[in-house]
Amino acid sequence: MKMYVGNLSFETTENDLQDLFEPHGQVAEVALVTDRMTGKSRGFAFVTMNDKTQAEAAMTAINGKELNGRTLSVSEARPREERPRSFGGGGGKRPFAGNRR
């Protein structure tokens, strides 16, 4: 079961989350979401536990708990929504072609 963990401090690491969830059961994966450009945390992560009962116990125990000065929000992760693909930007303006006659 995959869980969303929100309201993370920017100093929180994947190891911090592993240590937080592990007392409730085996953690399969921790994915801290980072900004592509800066590499800094975006303030949320996904934690996956293979056992649904353990994951639900972890959610109940950790949701609302404080970590690194922030109150965590833990819930079951929703499937990612499909977004229409964008094929570049471009505002539709053509380059200046000078005075044409």
Protein backbone atom coordinates (compact mmCIF):
# COMPACT_ATOMS: atom_id res chain seq x y z
CA MET A 1 0.00 0.00 0.00
CA LYS A 2 1.36 3.38 -1.02
CA MET A 3 0.90 6.34 1.32
CA TYR A 4 1.23 10.07 0.74
CA VAL A 5 3.14 11.93 3.45
CA GLY A 6 2.67 15.70 3.31
CA ASN A 7 3.74 18.83 5.17
CA LEU A 8 7.33 17.63 5.48
CA SER A 9 10.09 19.91 6.63
CA PHE A 10 12.56 20.60 3.83
CA GLU A 11 15.26 19.06 6.06
CA THR A 12 13.46 15.69 6.30
CA THR A 13 15.33 12.83 4.61
CA GLU A 14 14.24 9.44 3.25
CA ASN A 15 16.07 7.85 6.21
CA ASP A 16 13.99 9.95 8.65
CA LEU A 17 10.81 8.61 7.05
CA GLN A 18 12.12 5.04 7.00
CA ASP A 19 12.88 5.30 10.73
CA LEU A 20 9.43 6.80 11.41
CA PHE A 21 7.43 4.12 9.57
CA GLU A 22 9.53 1.02 10.32
CA PRO A 23 8.23 0.44 13.89
CA HIS A 24 4.82 -0.22 12.29
CA GLY A 25 6.03 -2.80 9.75
CA GLN A 26 8.36 -3.45 6.85
CA VAL A 27 8.88 -0.45 4.57
CA ALA A 28 9.27 -1.45 0.92
CA GLU A 29 10.11 1.99 -0.48
CA VAL A 30 10.47 5.64 0.50
CA ALA A 31 10.39 8.24 -2.28
CA LEU A 32 11.03 11.82 -1.21
CA VAL A 33 9.85 14.12 -3.99
CA THR A 34 12.43 16.73 -4.99
CA ASP A 35 12.50 19.70 -7.34
CA ARG A 36 14.18 18.78 -10.64
CA MET A 37 16.08 22.04 -10.91
CA THR A 38 17.33 22.52 -7.34
CA GLY A 39 17.25 18.97 -5.99
CA LYS A 40 15.59 20.28 -2.82
CA SER A 41 12.62 18.57 -1.18
CA ARG A 42 9.16 19.68 -2.32
CA GLY A 43 7.72 18.92 1.12
CA PHE A 44 6.07 15.57 0.45
CA ALA A 45 6.94 11.92 -0.08
CA PHE A 46 5.48 8.50 -0.78
CA VAL A 47 6.04 5.55 1.54
CA THR A 48 5.15 2.02 0.40
CA MET A 49 4.50 -0.88 2.74
CA ASN A 50 3.61 -4.33 1.35
CA ASP A 51 1.27 -5.26 4.20
CA LYS A 52 -1.98 -3.28 4.09
CA THR A 53 -2.77 -3.87 7.79
CA GLN A 54 0.65 -2.54 8.82
CA ALA A 55 0.29 0.42 6.46
CA GLU A 56 -3.11 1.33 7.92
CA ALA A 57 -1.68 1.09 11.45
CA ALA A 58 1.21 3.34 10.41
CA MET A 59 -1.19 5.90 8.88
CA THR A 60 -3.27 6.01 12.04
CA ALA A 61 -0.21 6.34 14.30
CA ILE A 62 1.75 8.88 12.23
CA ASN A 63 -0.96 11.17 10.80
CA GLY A 64 -0.88 14.36 12.90
CA LYS A 65 2.46 13.46 14.48
CA GLU A 66 5.24 16.06 14.51
CA LEU A 67 8.53 15.50 12.67
CA ASN A 68 11.25 18.15 12.41
CA GLY A 69 8.84 20.83 13.66
CA ARG A 70 6.04 20.04 11.18
CA THR A 71 2.73 18.23 11.72
CA LEU A 72 2.56 15.39 9.20
CA SER A 73 -0.39 14.57 6.99
CA VAL A 74 -0.51 10.86 6.05
CA SER A 75 -3.12 9.29 3.78
CA GLU A 76 -3.47 6.56 1.20
CA ALA A 77 -1.92 7.72 -2.06
CA ARG A 78 -4.33 8.24 -4.94
CA PRO A 79 -3.44 7.02 -8.42
CA ARG A 80 -1.69 9.63 -10.51
CA GLU A 81 -4.06 11.46 -12.83
CA GLU A 82 -3.33 11.37 -16.52
CA ARG A 83 -2.63 14.84 -17.80
CA PRO A 84 -2.79 15.93 -21.42
CA ARG A 85 0.67 16.06 -22.90
CA SER A 86 2.03 19.43 -23.82
CA PHE A 87 4.14 19.69 -26.93
CA GLY A 88 6.20 22.74 -26.11
CA GLY A 89 5.21 26.26 -25.34
CA GLY A 90 5.32 29.08 -27.78
CA GLY A 91 3.03 32.02 -27.56
CA GLY A 92 2.16 32.01 -31.23
CA LYS A 93 4.18 35.11 -32.10
CA ARG A 94 6.30 34.99 -35.18
CA PRO A 95 9.78 36.48 -35.19
CA PHE A 96 10.01 40.04 -36.53
CA ALA A 97 10.49 39.86 -40.29
CA GLY A 98 11.31 43.52 -40.92
CA ASN A 99 9.42 45.83 -43.25
CA ARG A 100 8.03 43.80 -46.08
CA ARG A 101 6.70 45.43 -49.18
